[in-house]
Amino acid sequence: MATELSESAQAICAANYNWRTSSSCQRCPLHSECKKPSADASEQSLGEWRDRVNQLAEQVQAADNPR
């Protein structure tokens, strides 16, 4: 089964993306990894992309909520 974007990644995206204009995510902390993957990406490369985005989201969330 393919990895899905985590709740953390989805929440960070929702907080930084302007759905009306499909833009304004330049300041999003996930932007470096989250750029839209290639349309011809394989299932494996899409899974690897989701894993990288999810890992970065976890790091961002941990930095925002130190214990």
N, C-alpha and C. Protein backbone atom coordinates (compact mmCIF):
# COMPACT_ATOMS: atom_id res chain seq x y z
N MET A 1 0.84 -1.18 0.00
CA MET A 1 0.00 0.00 0.00
C MET A 1 0.88 1.25 0.00
N ALA A 2 0.51 2.22 -0.78
CA ALA A 2 1.30 3.45 -0.90
C ALA A 2 1.18 4.30 0.36
N THR A 3 2.25 4.95 0.69
CA THR A 3 2.26 5.87 1.81
C THR A 3 1.41 7.09 1.45
N GLU A 4 0.62 7.55 2.39
CA GLU A 4 -0.18 8.75 2.19
C GLU A 4 0.50 9.92 2.90
N LEU A 5 0.11 11.13 2.54
CA LEU A 5 0.62 12.28 3.27
C LEU A 5 0.04 12.26 4.67
N SER A 6 0.88 12.51 5.65
CA SER A 6 0.46 12.46 7.04
C SER A 6 -0.47 13.62 7.38
N GLU A 7 -1.16 13.48 8.49
CA GLU A 7 -2.04 14.56 8.96
C GLU A 7 -1.22 15.82 9.21
N SER A 8 -0.02 15.67 9.73
CA SER A 8 0.85 16.82 9.97
C SER A 8 1.18 17.54 8.67
N ALA A 9 1.56 16.78 7.65
CA ALA A 9 1.90 17.37 6.36
C ALA A 9 0.68 18.08 5.77
N GLN A 10 -0.48 17.44 5.84
CA GLN A 10 -1.69 18.04 5.30
C GLN A 10 -2.06 19.32 6.06
N ALA A 11 -1.89 19.33 7.37
CA ALA A 11 -2.23 20.51 8.17
C ALA A 11 -1.28 21.67 7.86
N ILE A 12 0.00 21.36 7.73
CA ILE A 12 0.98 22.41 7.40
C ILE A 12 0.67 22.98 6.02
N CYS A 13 0.35 22.12 5.08
CA CYS A 13 0.00 22.57 3.73
C CYS A 13 -1.24 23.45 3.77
N ALA A 14 -2.26 23.02 4.47
CA ALA A 14 -3.51 23.78 4.53
C ALA A 14 -3.30 25.15 5.16
N ALA A 15 -2.38 25.24 6.10
CA ALA A 15 -2.12 26.52 6.76
C ALA A 15 -1.31 27.48 5.89
N ASN A 16 -0.64 26.96 4.86
CA ASN A 16 0.26 27.79 4.06
C ASN A 16 -0.14 27.97 2.60
N TYR A 17 -1.11 27.23 2.14
CA TYR A 17 -1.47 27.25 0.72
C TYR A 17 -2.75 28.06 0.52
N ASN A 18 -2.77 28.91 -0.48
CA ASN A 18 -3.94 29.70 -0.80
C ASN A 18 -4.75 28.95 -1.86
N TRP A 19 -5.80 28.29 -1.43
CA TRP A 19 -6.60 27.44 -2.34
C TRP A 19 -7.31 28.26 -3.41
N ARG A 20 -7.61 29.51 -3.13
CA ARG A 20 -8.31 30.34 -4.11
C ARG A 20 -7.43 30.68 -5.31
N THR A 21 -6.16 30.94 -5.05
CA THR A 21 -5.26 31.35 -6.13
C THR A 21 -4.26 30.25 -6.51
N SER A 22 -4.31 29.14 -5.83
CA SER A 22 -3.38 28.03 -6.06
C SER A 22 -1.93 28.50 -5.96
N SER A 23 -1.65 29.28 -4.95
CA SER A 23 -0.29 29.81 -4.79
C SER A 23 -0.02 30.15 -3.33
N SER A 24 1.03 30.89 -3.14
CA SER A 24 1.41 31.45 -1.84
C SER A 24 1.98 30.43 -0.87
N CYS A 25 2.55 29.35 -1.37
CA CYS A 25 3.16 28.39 -0.45
C CYS A 25 4.67 28.59 -0.35
N GLN A 26 5.18 29.67 -0.90
CA GLN A 26 6.63 29.91 -0.90
C GLN A 26 7.22 29.95 0.51
N ARG A 27 6.47 30.41 1.48
CA ARG A 27 6.98 30.49 2.85
C ARG A 27 6.69 29.24 3.67
N CYS A 28 6.05 28.27 3.06
CA CYS A 28 5.72 27.03 3.75
C CYS A 28 7.01 26.29 4.11
N PRO A 29 7.09 25.77 5.32
CA PRO A 29 8.31 25.04 5.71
C PRO A 29 8.48 23.71 4.96
N LEU A 30 7.45 23.25 4.27
CA LEU A 30 7.56 22.02 3.50
C LEU A 30 7.94 22.28 2.05
N HIS A 31 7.99 23.52 1.64
CA HIS A 31 8.14 23.87 0.23
C HIS A 31 9.36 23.23 -0.43
N SER A 32 10.46 23.11 0.27
CA SER A 32 11.67 22.56 -0.34
C SER A 32 11.48 21.12 -0.81
N GLU A 33 10.67 20.34 -0.11
CA GLU A 33 10.41 18.94 -0.49
C GLU A 33 9.08 18.76 -1.20
N CYS A 34 8.17 19.67 -0.99
CA CYS A 34 6.79 19.44 -1.39
C CYS A 34 6.47 19.87 -2.82
N LYS A 35 7.39 20.44 -3.52
CA LYS A 35 7.11 20.83 -4.90
C LYS A 35 6.45 19.65 -5.61
N LYS A 36 5.46 19.93 -6.42
CA LYS A 36 4.67 18.89 -7.08
C LYS A 36 5.59 17.90 -7.80
N PRO A 37 5.40 16.61 -7.54
CA PRO A 37 6.22 15.61 -8.22
C PRO A 37 5.87 15.52 -9.71
N SER A 38 6.76 14.97 -10.45
CA SER A 38 6.58 14.81 -11.89
C SER A 38 5.32 14.00 -12.20
N ALA A 39 4.64 14.37 -13.26
CA ALA A 39 3.42 13.67 -13.67
C ALA A 39 3.71 12.23 -14.08
N ASP A 40 4.93 11.95 -14.51
CA ASP A 40 5.26 10.59 -14.93
C ASP A 40 6.02 9.81 -13.85
N ALA A 41 5.87 10.24 -12.60
CA ALA A 41 6.55 9.57 -11.49
C ALA A 41 5.98 8.17 -11.28
N SER A 42 6.84 7.25 -10.90
CA SER A 42 6.40 5.89 -10.62
C SER A 42 5.78 5.83 -9.22
N GLU A 43 5.08 4.75 -8.95
CA GLU A 43 4.50 4.57 -7.61
C GLU A 43 5.60 4.60 -6.55
N GLN A 44 6.74 4.00 -6.87
CA GLN A 44 7.85 3.97 -5.91
C GLN A 44 8.37 5.38 -5.65
N SER A 45 8.57 6.17 -6.70
CA SER A 45 9.10 7.52 -6.50
C SER A 45 8.07 8.41 -5.81
N LEU A 46 6.78 8.20 -6.08
CA LEU A 46 5.75 8.96 -5.36
C LEU A 46 5.75 8.60 -3.88
N GLY A 47 5.91 7.32 -3.58
CA GLY A 47 5.99 6.88 -2.18
C GLY A 47 7.19 7.49 -1.48
N GLU A 48 8.32 7.52 -2.17
CA GLU A 48 9.54 8.12 -1.59
C GLU A 48 9.33 9.62 -1.38
N TRP A 49 8.65 10.30 -2.31
CA TRP A 49 8.36 11.73 -2.18
C TRP A 49 7.46 11.96 -0.96
N ARG A 50 6.41 11.15 -0.82
CA ARG A 50 5.52 11.30 0.34
C ARG A 50 6.27 11.06 1.64
N ASP A 51 7.16 10.08 1.65
CA ASP A 51 7.96 9.81 2.85
C ASP A 51 8.81 11.02 3.23
N ARG A 52 9.43 11.66 2.22
CA ARG A 52 10.26 12.84 2.50
C ARG A 52 9.42 14.00 3.02
N VAL A 53 8.26 14.22 2.42
CA VAL A 53 7.38 15.29 2.88
C VAL A 53 6.90 15.00 4.30
N ASN A 54 6.50 13.78 4.58
CA ASN A 54 6.03 13.40 5.92
C ASN A 54 7.14 13.56 6.95
N GLN A 55 8.36 13.16 6.59
CA GLN A 55 9.48 13.29 7.53
C GLN A 55 9.76 14.76 7.83
N LEU A 56 9.74 15.60 6.81
CA LEU A 56 9.96 17.02 7.02
C LEU A 56 8.84 17.62 7.87
N ALA A 57 7.61 17.19 7.65
CA ALA A 57 6.47 17.68 8.44
C ALA A 57 6.65 17.31 9.92
N GLU A 58 7.13 16.10 10.18
CA GLU A 58 7.40 15.70 11.56
C GLU A 58 8.46 16.58 12.19
N GLN A 59 9.52 16.88 11.44
CA GLN A 59 10.59 17.75 11.95
C GLN A 59 10.07 19.14 12.24
N VAL A 60 9.25 19.68 11.33
CA VAL A 60 8.68 21.02 11.52
C VAL A 60 7.79 21.04 12.75
N GLN A 61 6.94 20.03 12.87
CA GLN A 61 6.04 19.95 14.01
C GLN A 61 6.81 19.82 15.31
N ALA A 62 7.87 19.02 15.32
CA ALA A 62 8.68 18.86 16.53
C ALA A 62 9.38 20.16 16.91
N ALA A 63 9.84 20.91 15.92
CA ALA A 63 10.50 22.19 16.18
C ALA A 63 9.50 23.22 16.71
N ASP A 64 8.27 23.15 16.22
CA ASP A 64 7.23 24.08 16.67
C ASP A 64 6.67 23.73 18.04
N ASN A 65 6.82 22.47 18.43
CA ASN A 65 6.26 21.99 19.71
C ASN A 65 7.32 21.24 20.50
N PRO A 66 8.38 21.95 20.94
CA PRO A 66 9.44 21.26 21.69
C PRO A 66 8.90 20.72 23.00
N ARG A 67 9.46 19.61 23.41
CA ARG A 67 9.00 18.98 24.67
C ARG A 67 9.71 19.54 25.85
